[in-house]
């Protein structure tokens, strides 16, 4: 009993280590940790992380500098680690001289092949061999998860149901291949599938298709969910006010996400923009075959 209490007290006094990529969610996470009474230490990834992370204890580090990331987390006395934010892997095969050890383990992990989830699982596994505990952002900010039902005042219409179902079905199939967390469906046609460019750029692509007259049908839905079997400690899908604005600019009617499996950045901002732009935002529960269960 006393040993467990000692471990609990020690863990409470240790900062949460945050390996931060792009987007505003790492900033929101830092705010939530501070409000909870704990400290944070941020390894902000150069070229990706938000400058506002300078407001917290941090170190700017190159994404390939695995050894420095580990060293800084240890120096900050972090034991619990959250990996959060958008990053793009190097595609030129460049290896980093900062390997994190004489056996080049960190470099091999960071430059390994495979899908995103496979890479992140390998990184998490490597960190855990060093004594860190990798946890998910949703464990710290569960209130940021999109629950089942409508967010804001707008809801889908009967005409959206088949597009929502098809979107979930497509992502179910692709997720088994560790490919894509988002798809745009309009009138039964798949207009776009999220690839390495991310959701924002995919939505801009849909907007260009409409502008160029490639897409004639009006409306459509952005559907977003984690990949099948995805480790929810990292790379959890995220939406926010910018997502809503890009959905509106692409001429879509709304957003539907896998309930309790997608994080929301700036919920109040999202609701405000969705209400203003007549965009519905909803959580739904897909069935085992990917279609909507309810």
C-alpha atoms as a PDB file:
ATOM      1  CA  UNK A   1       0.000   0.000   0.000  1.00  0.00           C
ATOM      2  CA  UNK A   2       2.693   2.479   1.019  1.00  0.00           C
ATOM      3  CA  UNK A   3       4.831   1.507  -2.007  1.00  0.00           C
ATOM      4  CA  UNK A   4       1.929   2.112  -4.371  1.00  0.00           C
ATOM      5  CA  UNK A   5       1.204   5.455  -2.702  1.00  0.00           C
ATOM      6  CA  UNK A   6       4.856   6.444  -3.079  1.00  0.00           C
ATOM      7  CA  UNK A   7       4.746   5.595  -6.795  1.00  0.00           C
ATOM      8  CA  UNK A   8       1.513   7.543  -7.203  1.00  0.00           C
ATOM      9  CA  UNK A   9       2.918  10.608  -5.427  1.00  0.00           C
ATOM     10  CA  UNK A  10       6.113  10.425  -7.487  1.00  0.00           C
ATOM     11  CA  UNK A  11       4.143  10.169 -10.738  1.00  0.00           C
ATOM     12  CA  UNK A  12       1.991  13.130  -9.719  1.00  0.00           C
ATOM     13  CA  UNK A  13       5.097  15.279  -9.235  1.00  0.00           C
ATOM     14  CA  UNK A  14       6.619  14.375 -12.612  1.00  0.00           C
ATOM     15  CA  UNK A  15       5.869  16.545 -15.653  1.00  0.00           C
ATOM     16  CA  UNK A  16       3.867  15.102 -18.537  1.00  0.00           C
ATOM     17  CA  UNK A  17       6.206  14.884 -21.504  1.00  0.00           C
ATOM     18  CA  UNK A  18       4.642  16.035 -24.772  1.00  0.00           C
ATOM     19  CA  UNK A  19       6.224  15.269 -28.139  1.00  0.00           C
ATOM     20  CA  UNK A  20       4.425  17.952 -30.140  1.00  0.00           C
ATOM     21  CA  UNK A  21       3.819  18.037 -33.865  1.00  0.00           C
ATOM     22  CA  UNK A  22       1.717  20.558 -35.772  1.00  0.00           C
ATOM     23  CA  UNK A  23      -1.733  21.974 -35.072  1.00  0.00           C
ATOM     24  CA  UNK A  24      -3.324  23.612 -32.053  1.00  0.00           C
ATOM     25  CA  UNK A  25      -4.152  20.450 -30.127  1.00  0.00           C
ATOM     26  CA  UNK A  26      -0.713  20.212 -28.424  1.00  0.00           C
ATOM     27  CA  UNK A  27      -1.308  23.746 -27.073  1.00  0.00           C
ATOM     28  CA  UNK A  28      -4.764  22.752 -25.812  1.00  0.00           C
ATOM     29  CA  UNK A  29      -3.238  19.700 -24.160  1.00  0.00           C
ATOM     30  CA  UNK A  30      -0.620  21.813 -22.381  1.00  0.00           C
ATOM     31  CA  UNK A  31      -3.355  24.139 -21.113  1.00  0.00           C
ATOM     32  CA  UNK A  32      -5.376  21.176 -19.815  1.00  0.00           C
ATOM     33  CA  UNK A  33      -2.384  19.629 -18.032  1.00  0.00           C
ATOM     34  CA  UNK A  34      -1.526  22.941 -16.328  1.00  0.00           C
ATOM     35  CA  UNK A  35      -5.159  23.437 -15.262  1.00  0.00           C
ATOM     36  CA  UNK A  36      -5.129  19.956 -13.709  1.00  0.00           C
ATOM     37  CA  UNK A  37      -2.272  21.022 -11.439  1.00  0.00           C
ATOM     38  CA  UNK A  38       0.487  19.067 -13.177  1.00  0.00           C
ATOM     39  CA  UNK A  39       3.523  20.337 -15.051  1.00  0.00           C
ATOM     40  CA  UNK A  40       4.463  19.777 -18.681  1.00  0.00           C
ATOM     41  CA  UNK A  41       7.653  19.563 -20.680  1.00  0.00           C
ATOM     42  CA  UNK A  42       7.367  19.875 -24.443  1.00  0.00           C
ATOM     43  CA  UNK A  43       9.660  18.473 -27.102  1.00  0.00           C
ATOM     44  CA  UNK A  44       8.469  20.764 -29.908  1.00  0.00           C
ATOM     45  CA  UNK A  45       9.278  19.362 -33.339  1.00  0.00           C
ATOM     46  CA  UNK A  46      11.020  21.894 -35.580  1.00  0.00           C
ATOM     47  CA  UNK A  47       9.021  22.845 -38.647  1.00  0.00           C
ATOM     48  CA  UNK A  48       5.782  21.427 -37.260  1.00  0.00           C
ATOM     49  CA  UNK A  49       4.945  22.577 -33.731  1.00  0.00           C
ATOM     50  CA  UNK A  50       3.005  25.753 -32.940  1.00  0.00           C
ATOM     51  CA  UNK A  51       5.110  28.745 -31.735  1.00  0.00           C
ATOM     52  CA  UNK A  52       2.686  29.188 -28.808  1.00  0.00           C
ATOM     53  CA  UNK A  53       4.356  26.172 -27.209  1.00  0.00           C
ATOM     54  CA  UNK A  54       7.128  28.610 -26.299  1.00  0.00           C
ATOM     55  CA  UNK A  55       4.835  29.601 -23.421  1.00  0.00           C
ATOM     56  CA  UNK A  56       5.548  26.264 -21.704  1.00  0.00           C
ATOM     57  CA  UNK A  57       8.752  24.551 -20.585  1.00  0.00           C
ATOM     58  CA  UNK A  58      10.093  23.223 -23.860  1.00  0.00           C
ATOM     59  CA  UNK A  59      12.933  22.383 -26.192  1.00  0.00           C
ATOM     60  CA  UNK A  60      12.794  22.712 -29.987  1.00  0.00           C
ATOM     61  CA  UNK A  61      14.141  19.542 -31.594  1.00  0.00           C
ATOM     62  CA  UNK A  62      14.484  18.215 -35.137  1.00  0.00           C
ATOM     63  CA  UNK A  63      12.045  15.375 -35.843  1.00  0.00           C
ATOM     64  CA  UNK A  64      14.856  12.964 -36.671  1.00  0.00           C
ATOM     65  CA  UNK A  65      16.855  13.729 -33.525  1.00  0.00           C
ATOM     66  CA  UNK A  66      15.525  10.765 -31.577  1.00  0.00           C
ATOM     67  CA  UNK A  67      18.422  10.709 -29.172  1.00  0.00           C
ATOM     68  CA  UNK A  68      17.957  14.355 -28.190  1.00  0.00           C
ATOM     69  CA  UNK A  69      14.223  13.879 -27.650  1.00  0.00           C
ATOM     70  CA  UNK A  70      14.915  10.992 -25.282  1.00  0.00           C
ATOM     71  CA  UNK A  71      17.684  12.887 -23.503  1.00  0.00           C
ATOM     72  CA  UNK A  72      15.497  15.960 -22.930  1.00  0.00           C
ATOM     73  CA  UNK A  73      12.572  13.885 -21.629  1.00  0.00           C
ATOM     74  CA  UNK A  74      14.873  12.172 -19.162  1.00  0.00           C
ATOM     75  CA  UNK A  75      16.464  15.453 -18.039  1.00  0.00           C
ATOM     76  CA  UNK A  76      12.963  16.866 -17.425  1.00  0.00           C
ATOM     77  CA  UNK A  77      12.166  13.793 -15.282  1.00  0.00           C
ATOM     78  CA  UNK A  78       9.200  12.834 -17.508  1.00  0.00           C
ATOM     79  CA  UNK A  79       7.810   9.317 -17.281  1.00  0.00           C
ATOM     80  CA  UNK A  80       4.412   9.679 -18.952  1.00  0.00           C
ATOM     81  CA  UNK A  81       4.667  10.706 -22.604  1.00  0.00           C
ATOM     82  CA  UNK A  82       2.033  11.945 -25.065  1.00  0.00           C
ATOM     83  CA  UNK A  83       2.759  12.022 -28.805  1.00  0.00           C
ATOM     84  CA  UNK A  84       0.388  14.494 -30.415  1.00  0.00           C
ATOM     85  CA  UNK A  85       0.116  16.722 -33.478  1.00  0.00           C
ATOM     86  CA  UNK A  86       0.631  16.448 -37.208  1.00  0.00           C
ATOM     87  CA  UNK A  87       3.968  15.441 -38.697  1.00  0.00           C
ATOM     88  CA  UNK A  88       5.154  14.372 -42.116  1.00  0.00           C
ATOM     89  CA  UNK A  89       7.812  11.729 -42.327  1.00  0.00           C
ATOM     90  CA  UNK A  90      10.996  12.457 -44.300  1.00  0.00           C
ATOM     91  CA  UNK A  91      10.573  10.920 -47.740  1.00  0.00           C
ATOM     92  CA  UNK A  92      14.135  11.248 -49.024  1.00  0.00           C
ATOM     93  CA  UNK A  93      15.547   8.401 -46.950  1.00  0.00           C
ATOM     94  CA  UNK A  94      17.720  10.766 -44.934  1.00  0.00           C
ATOM     95  CA  UNK A  95      19.157   9.166 -41.821  1.00  0.00           C
ATOM     96  CA  UNK A  96      19.903  11.204 -38.744  1.00  0.00           C
ATOM     97  CA  UNK A  97      23.356  11.208 -37.137  1.00  0.00           C
ATOM     98  CA  UNK A  98      21.609  11.607 -33.770  1.00  0.00           C
ATOM     99  CA  UNK A  99      20.676   7.981 -33.303  1.00  0.00           C
ATOM    100  CA  UNK A 100      19.921   7.919 -29.601  1.00  0.00           C
ATOM    101  CA  UNK A 101      22.464   5.203 -28.970  1.00  0.00           C
ATOM    102  CA  UNK A 102      25.426   3.331 -30.456  1.00  0.00           C
ATOM    103  CA  UNK A 103      23.157   0.682 -31.996  1.00  0.00           C
ATOM    104  CA  UNK A 104      21.208   3.276 -34.069  1.00  0.00           C
ATOM    105  CA  UNK A 105      17.919   1.968 -32.616  1.00  0.00           C
ATOM    106  CA  UNK A 106      16.196   5.370 -32.538  1.00  0.00           C
ATOM    107  CA  UNK A 107      17.265   6.193 -36.090  1.00  0.00           C
ATOM    108  CA  UNK A 108      16.043   2.829 -37.347  1.00  0.00           C
ATOM    109  CA  UNK A 109      12.653   3.314 -35.663  1.00  0.00           C
ATOM    110  CA  UNK A 110      12.169   6.852 -36.974  1.00  0.00           C
ATOM    111  CA  UNK A 111      13.134   5.885 -40.533  1.00  0.00           C
ATOM    112  CA  UNK A 112      11.366   2.520 -40.653  1.00  0.00           C
ATOM    113  CA  UNK A 113       8.981   1.566 -43.420  1.00  0.00           C
ATOM    114  CA  UNK A 114       5.296   0.819 -43.028  1.00  0.00           C
ATOM    115  CA  UNK A 115       2.114   2.805 -42.424  1.00  0.00           C
ATOM    116  CA  UNK A 116       1.754   5.640 -39.957  1.00  0.00           C
ATOM    117  CA  UNK A 117       0.219   3.495 -37.221  1.00  0.00           C
ATOM    118  CA  UNK A 118       2.956   0.909 -37.629  1.00  0.00           C
ATOM    119  CA  UNK A 119       5.648   3.583 -37.308  1.00  0.00           C
ATOM    120  CA  UNK A 120       4.034   5.223 -34.275  1.00  0.00           C
ATOM    121  CA  UNK A 121       3.551   1.857 -32.570  1.00  0.00           C
ATOM    122  CA  UNK A 122       7.238   1.154 -33.084  1.00  0.00           C
ATOM    123  CA  UNK A 123       8.184   4.545 -31.627  1.00  0.00           C
ATOM    124  CA  UNK A 124       5.910   3.984 -28.611  1.00  0.00           C
ATOM    125  CA  UNK A 125       7.317   0.509 -28.080  1.00  0.00           C
ATOM    126  CA  UNK A 126      10.859   1.851 -28.205  1.00  0.00           C
ATOM    127  CA  UNK A 127      10.057   4.569 -25.656  1.00  0.00           C
ATOM    128  CA  UNK A 128       8.532   1.989 -23.329  1.00  0.00           C
ATOM    129  CA  UNK A 129      11.707  -0.125 -23.443  1.00  0.00           C
ATOM    130  CA  UNK A 130      13.447   2.961 -22.015  1.00  0.00           C
ATOM    131  CA  UNK A 131      11.050   3.150 -19.066  1.00  0.00           C
ATOM    132  CA  UNK A 132       8.571   5.711 -20.377  1.00  0.00           C
ATOM    133  CA  UNK A 133       4.810   5.190 -20.308  1.00  0.00           C
ATOM    134  CA  UNK A 134       3.101   6.333 -23.514  1.00  0.00           C
ATOM    135  CA  UNK A 135      -0.464   7.568 -22.948  1.00  0.00           C
ATOM    136  CA  UNK A 136      -3.139   9.085 -25.174  1.00  0.00           C
ATOM    137  CA  UNK A 137      -4.202  12.731 -25.205  1.00  0.00           C
ATOM    138  CA  UNK A 138      -7.793  11.611 -24.692  1.00  0.00           C
ATOM    139  CA  UNK A 139      -6.777  10.205 -21.301  1.00  0.00           C
ATOM    140  CA  UNK A 140      -5.900  13.756 -20.229  1.00  0.00           C
ATOM    141  CA  UNK A 141      -8.613  15.698 -22.075  1.00  0.00           C
ATOM    142  CA  UNK A 142     -11.566  13.257 -22.419  1.00  0.00           C
ATOM    143  CA  UNK A 143     -13.935  16.233 -22.604  1.00  0.00           C
ATOM    144  CA  UNK A 144     -12.477  16.980 -26.052  1.00  0.00           C
ATOM    145  CA  UNK A 145     -13.831  13.743 -27.534  1.00  0.00           C
ATOM    146  CA  UNK A 146     -16.803  14.090 -29.909  1.00  0.00           C
ATOM    147  CA  UNK A 147     -19.679  12.142 -28.335  1.00  0.00           C
ATOM    148  CA  UNK A 148     -22.548  10.394 -30.122  1.00  0.00           C
ATOM    149  CA  UNK A 149     -25.046  12.911 -31.495  1.00  0.00           C
ATOM    150  CA  UNK A 150     -25.047  16.456 -32.835  1.00  0.00           C
ATOM    151  CA  UNK A 151     -22.515  19.134 -31.947  1.00  0.00           C
ATOM    152  CA  UNK A 152     -24.197  22.467 -32.532  1.00  0.00           C
ATOM    153  CA  UNK A 153     -27.688  23.232 -33.808  1.00  0.00           C
ATOM    154  CA  UNK A 154     -27.565  21.619 -37.263  1.00  0.00           C
ATOM    155  CA  UNK A 155     -28.191  17.916 -37.982  1.00  0.00           C
ATOM    156  CA  UNK A 156     -27.948  15.711 -41.053  1.00  0.00           C
ATOM    157  CA  UNK A 157     -30.906  15.228 -43.377  1.00  0.00           C
ATOM    158  CA  UNK A 158     -32.221  11.919 -44.768  1.00  0.00           C
ATOM    159  CA  UNK A 159     -30.356  12.724 -47.976  1.00  0.00           C
ATOM    160  CA  UNK A 160     -27.030  12.533 -46.132  1.00  0.00           C
ATOM    161  CA  UNK A 161     -27.532   9.082 -44.632  1.00  0.00           C
ATOM    162  CA  UNK A 162     -26.290   7.000 -47.559  1.00  0.00           C
ATOM    163  CA  UNK A 163     -23.174   9.188 -47.940  1.00  0.00           C
ATOM    164  CA  UNK A 164     -22.405   8.842 -44.226  1.00  0.00           C
ATOM    165  CA  UNK A 165     -22.809   5.067 -44.409  1.00  0.00           C
ATOM    166  CA  UNK A 166     -20.596   4.806 -47.482  1.00  0.00           C
ATOM    167  CA  UNK A 167     -17.949   6.991 -45.892  1.00  0.00           C
ATOM    168  CA  UNK A 168     -17.708   4.753 -42.845  1.00  0.00           C
ATOM    169  CA  UNK A 169     -17.676   1.644 -45.034  1.00  0.00           C
ATOM    170  CA  UNK A 170     -14.835   2.975 -47.200  1.00  0.00           C
ATOM    171  CA  UNK A 171     -12.765   3.920 -44.149  1.00  0.00           C
ATOM    172  CA  UNK A 172     -13.404   0.505 -42.614  1.00  0.00           C
ATOM    173  CA  UNK A 173     -11.871  -1.166 -45.673  1.00  0.00           C
ATOM    174  CA  UNK A 174      -8.970   1.279 -45.986  1.00  0.00           C
ATOM    175  CA  UNK A 175      -8.287   1.209 -42.261  1.00  0.00           C
ATOM    176  CA  UNK A 176      -7.497  -2.487 -42.440  1.00  0.00           C
ATOM    177  CA  UNK A 177      -4.613  -1.484 -44.720  1.00  0.00           C
ATOM    178  CA  UNK A 178      -3.434   1.270 -42.319  1.00  0.00           C
ATOM    179  CA  UNK A 179      -4.573   3.846 -44.883  1.00  0.00           C
ATOM    180  CA  UNK A 180      -6.611   7.022 -44.311  1.00  0.00           C
ATOM    181  CA  UNK A 181      -8.735   8.442 -41.515  1.00  0.00           C
ATOM    182  CA  UNK A 182     -10.995  10.630 -43.624  1.00  0.00           C
ATOM    183  CA  UNK A 183     -13.057  10.505 -46.804  1.00  0.00           C
ATOM    184  CA  UNK A 184     -15.454  12.830 -48.631  1.00  0.00           C
ATOM    185  CA  UNK A 185     -18.606  11.316 -50.154  1.00  0.00           C
ATOM    186  CA  UNK A 186     -21.237  13.163 -52.195  1.00  0.00           C
ATOM    187  CA  UNK A 187     -24.283  11.581 -53.812  1.00  0.00           C
ATOM    188  CA  UNK A 188     -22.786   8.121 -53.415  1.00  0.00           C
ATOM    189  CA  UNK A 189     -19.502   9.093 -55.073  1.00  0.00           C
ATOM    190  CA  UNK A 190     -16.190   9.149 -53.218  1.00  0.00           C
ATOM    191  CA  UNK A 191     -14.770  12.568 -54.062  1.00  0.00           C
ATOM    192  CA  UNK A 192     -11.555  12.306 -52.066  1.00  0.00           C
ATOM    193  CA  UNK A 193      -9.644  10.034 -49.721  1.00  0.00           C
ATOM    194  CA  UNK A 194      -7.215  11.488 -47.206  1.00  0.00           C
ATOM    195  CA  UNK A 195      -3.629  10.598 -48.029  1.00  0.00           C
ATOM    196  CA  UNK A 196      -0.321  11.925 -46.733  1.00  0.00           C
ATOM    197  CA  UNK A 197      -1.439  15.542 -47.212  1.00  0.00           C
ATOM    198  CA  UNK A 198      -3.922  15.396 -44.307  1.00  0.00           C
ATOM    199  CA  UNK A 199      -7.583  16.340 -43.961  1.00  0.00           C
ATOM    200  CA  UNK A 200      -7.196  20.093 -44.566  1.00  0.00           C
ATOM    201  CA  UNK A 201      -5.413  19.671 -47.889  1.00  0.00           C
ATOM    202  CA  UNK A 202      -7.874  16.966 -48.941  1.00  0.00           C
ATOM    203  CA  UNK A 203     -10.757  19.379 -48.356  1.00  0.00           C
ATOM    204  CA  UNK A 204      -8.974  22.075 -50.362  1.00  0.00           C
ATOM    205  CA  UNK A 205      -8.659  19.525 -53.160  1.00  0.00           C
ATOM    206  CA  UNK A 206     -12.425  18.947 -53.067  1.00  0.00           C
ATOM    207  CA  UNK A 207     -12.987  22.710 -53.240  1.00  0.00           C
ATOM    208  CA  UNK A 208     -10.809  22.853 -56.371  1.00  0.00           C
ATOM    209  CA  UNK A 209     -12.772  19.985 -57.934  1.00  0.00           C
ATOM    210  CA  UNK A 210     -15.992  21.935 -57.434  1.00  0.00           C
ATOM    211  CA  UNK A 211     -14.452  25.143 -58.772  1.00  0.00           C
ATOM    212  CA  UNK A 212     -13.187  23.314 -61.874  1.00  0.00           C
ATOM    213  CA  UNK A 213     -16.619  21.828 -62.502  1.00  0.00           C
ATOM    214  CA  UNK A 214     -15.522  18.234 -61.922  1.00  0.00           C
ATOM    215  CA  UNK A 215     -18.151  17.796 -59.191  1.00  0.00           C
ATOM    216  CA  UNK A 216     -21.710  18.653 -60.235  1.00  0.00           C
ATOM    217  CA  UNK A 217     -23.705  17.352 -57.269  1.00  0.00           C
ATOM    218  CA  UNK A 218     -24.264  19.666 -54.319  1.00  0.00           C
ATOM    219  CA  UNK A 219     -23.671  18.799 -50.680  1.00  0.00           C
ATOM    220  CA  UNK A 220     -21.671  15.853 -49.447  1.00  0.00           C
ATOM    221  CA  UNK A 221     -20.146  14.762 -46.149  1.00  0.00           C
ATOM    222  CA  UNK A 222     -16.716  14.551 -44.575  1.00  0.00           C
ATOM    223  CA  UNK A 223     -16.495  11.288 -42.621  1.00  0.00           C
ATOM    224  CA  UNK A 224     -13.622  10.765 -40.191  1.00  0.00           C
ATOM    225  CA  UNK A 225     -12.647   7.856 -37.957  1.00  0.00           C
ATOM    226  CA  UNK A 226      -9.558   6.036 -36.648  1.00  0.00           C
ATOM    227  CA  UNK A 227      -8.135   3.195 -38.670  1.00  0.00           C
ATOM    228  CA  UNK A 228      -9.234  -0.303 -37.681  1.00  0.00           C
ATOM    229  CA  UNK A 229      -7.122  -1.569 -34.792  1.00  0.00           C
ATOM    230  CA  UNK A 230      -5.386   1.772 -34.414  1.00  0.00           C
ATOM    231  CA  UNK A 231      -3.498   2.392 -31.187  1.00  0.00           C
ATOM    232  CA  UNK A 232      -5.564   5.238 -29.738  1.00  0.00           C
ATOM    233  CA  UNK A 233      -2.647   6.615 -27.743  1.00  0.00           C
ATOM    234  CA  UNK A 234      -1.494   8.521 -30.785  1.00  0.00           C
ATOM    235  CA  UNK A 235      -2.574   9.804 -34.174  1.00  0.00           C
ATOM    236  CA  UNK A 236      -6.184  10.039 -33.015  1.00  0.00           C
ATOM    237  CA  UNK A 237      -8.217  11.941 -35.636  1.00  0.00           C
ATOM    238  CA  UNK A 238      -8.894  15.607 -34.858  1.00  0.00           C
ATOM    239  CA  UNK A 239     -11.361  18.231 -36.079  1.00  0.00           C
ATOM    240  CA  UNK A 240     -11.696  21.900 -35.219  1.00  0.00           C
ATOM    241  CA  UNK A 241     -13.042  25.256 -36.429  1.00  0.00           C
ATOM    242  CA  UNK A 242     -10.731  25.236 -39.456  1.00  0.00           C
ATOM    243  CA  UNK A 243     -12.133  21.855 -40.476  1.00  0.00           C
ATOM    244  CA  UNK A 244     -15.633  23.333 -40.448  1.00  0.00           C
ATOM    245  CA  UNK A 245     -14.525  26.315 -42.537  1.00  0.00           C
ATOM    246  CA  UNK A 246     -12.838  24.082 -45.114  1.00  0.00           C
ATOM    247  CA  UNK A 247     -15.892  21.806 -45.263  1.00  0.00           C
ATOM    248  CA  UNK A 248     -18.047  24.846 -46.003  1.00  0.00           C
ATOM    249  CA  UNK A 249     -15.569  26.138 -48.612  1.00  0.00           C
ATOM    250  CA  UNK A 250     -15.676  22.718 -50.301  1.00  0.00           C
ATOM    251  CA  UNK A 251     -19.461  22.978 -50.605  1.00  0.00           C
ATOM    252  CA  UNK A 252     -20.135  20.082 -48.238  1.00  0.00           C
ATOM    253  CA  UNK A 253     -23.082  19.827 -45.871  1.00  0.00           C
ATOM    254  CA  UNK A 254     -21.450  18.421 -42.765  1.00  0.00           C
ATOM    255  CA  UNK A 255     -19.000  16.325 -40.790  1.00  0.00           C
ATOM    256  CA  UNK A 256     -19.626  12.946 -39.186  1.00  0.00           C
ATOM    257  CA  UNK A 257     -17.024  11.248 -36.991  1.00  0.00           C
ATOM    258  CA  UNK A 258     -16.729   8.001 -35.085  1.00  0.00           C
ATOM    259  CA  UNK A 259     -18.224   8.909 -31.699  1.00  0.00           C
ATOM    260  CA  UNK A 260     -15.798   8.951 -28.751  1.00  0.00           C
ATOM    261  CA  UNK A 261     -12.883   8.233 -31.105  1.00  0.00           C
ATOM    262  CA  UNK A 262     -12.168  11.692 -32.558  1.00  0.00           C
ATOM    263  CA  UNK A 263     -10.784  14.692 -30.670  1.00  0.00           C
ATOM    264  CA  UNK A 264     -12.101  18.221 -31.054  1.00  0.00           C
ATOM    265  CA  UNK A 265      -9.821  21.218 -30.863  1.00  0.00           C
ATOM    266  CA  UNK A 266     -11.598  24.374 -29.622  1.00  0.00           C
ATOM    267  CA  UNK A 267     -15.094  22.946 -29.194  1.00  0.00           C
ATOM    268  CA  UNK A 268     -16.742  26.313 -28.677  1.00  0.00           C
ATOM    269  CA  UNK A 269     -15.046  27.728 -31.756  1.00  0.00           C
ATOM    270  CA  UNK A 270     -16.118  24.697 -33.769  1.00  0.00           C
ATOM    271  CA  UNK A 271     -19.755  25.015 -32.660  1.00  0.00           C
ATOM    272  CA  UNK A 272     -19.765  28.741 -33.409  1.00  0.00           C
ATOM    273  CA  UNK A 273     -18.442  28.304 -36.955  1.00  0.00           C
ATOM    274  CA  UNK A 274     -20.668  25.282 -37.658  1.00  0.00           C
ATOM    275  CA  UNK A 275     -23.775  27.200 -36.565  1.00  0.00           C
ATOM    276  CA  UNK A 276     -22.757  30.262 -38.585  1.00  0.00           C
ATOM    277  CA  UNK A 277     -21.952  28.293 -41.750  1.00  0.00           C
ATOM    278  CA  UNK A 278     -24.941  25.902 -41.580  1.00  0.00           C
ATOM    279  CA  UNK A 279     -22.689  22.869 -41.245  1.00  0.00           C
ATOM    280  CA  UNK A 280     -23.764  19.857 -39.205  1.00  0.00           C
ATOM    281  CA  UNK A 281     -21.172  18.154 -37.007  1.00  0.00           C
ATOM    282  CA  UNK A 282     -22.097  14.808 -35.457  1.00  0.00           C
ATOM    283  CA  UNK A 283     -20.679  11.762 -33.745  1.00  0.00           C
ATOM    284  CA  UNK A 284     -22.020   8.388 -34.890  1.00  0.00           C
ATOM    285  CA  UNK A 285     -21.327   4.751 -34.098  1.00  0.00           C
ATOM    286  CA  UNK A 286     -20.324   2.636 -37.101  1.00  0.00           C
ATOM    287  CA  UNK A 287     -21.140  -1.072 -37.002  1.00  0.00           C
ATOM    288  CA  UNK A 288     -18.525  -3.797 -37.383  1.00  0.00           C
ATOM    289  CA  UNK A 289     -18.793  -3.681 -41.183  1.00  0.00           C
ATOM    290  CA  UNK A 290     -18.189   0.075 -41.169  1.00  0.00           C
ATOM    291  CA  UNK A 291     -21.739   1.248 -41.797  1.00  0.00           C
ATOM    292  CA  UNK A 292     -23.663   3.392 -39.322  1.00  0.00           C
ATOM    293  CA  UNK A 293     -25.198   1.364 -36.517  1.00  0.00           C
ATOM    294  CA  UNK A 294     -27.317   4.153 -35.061  1.00  0.00           C
END
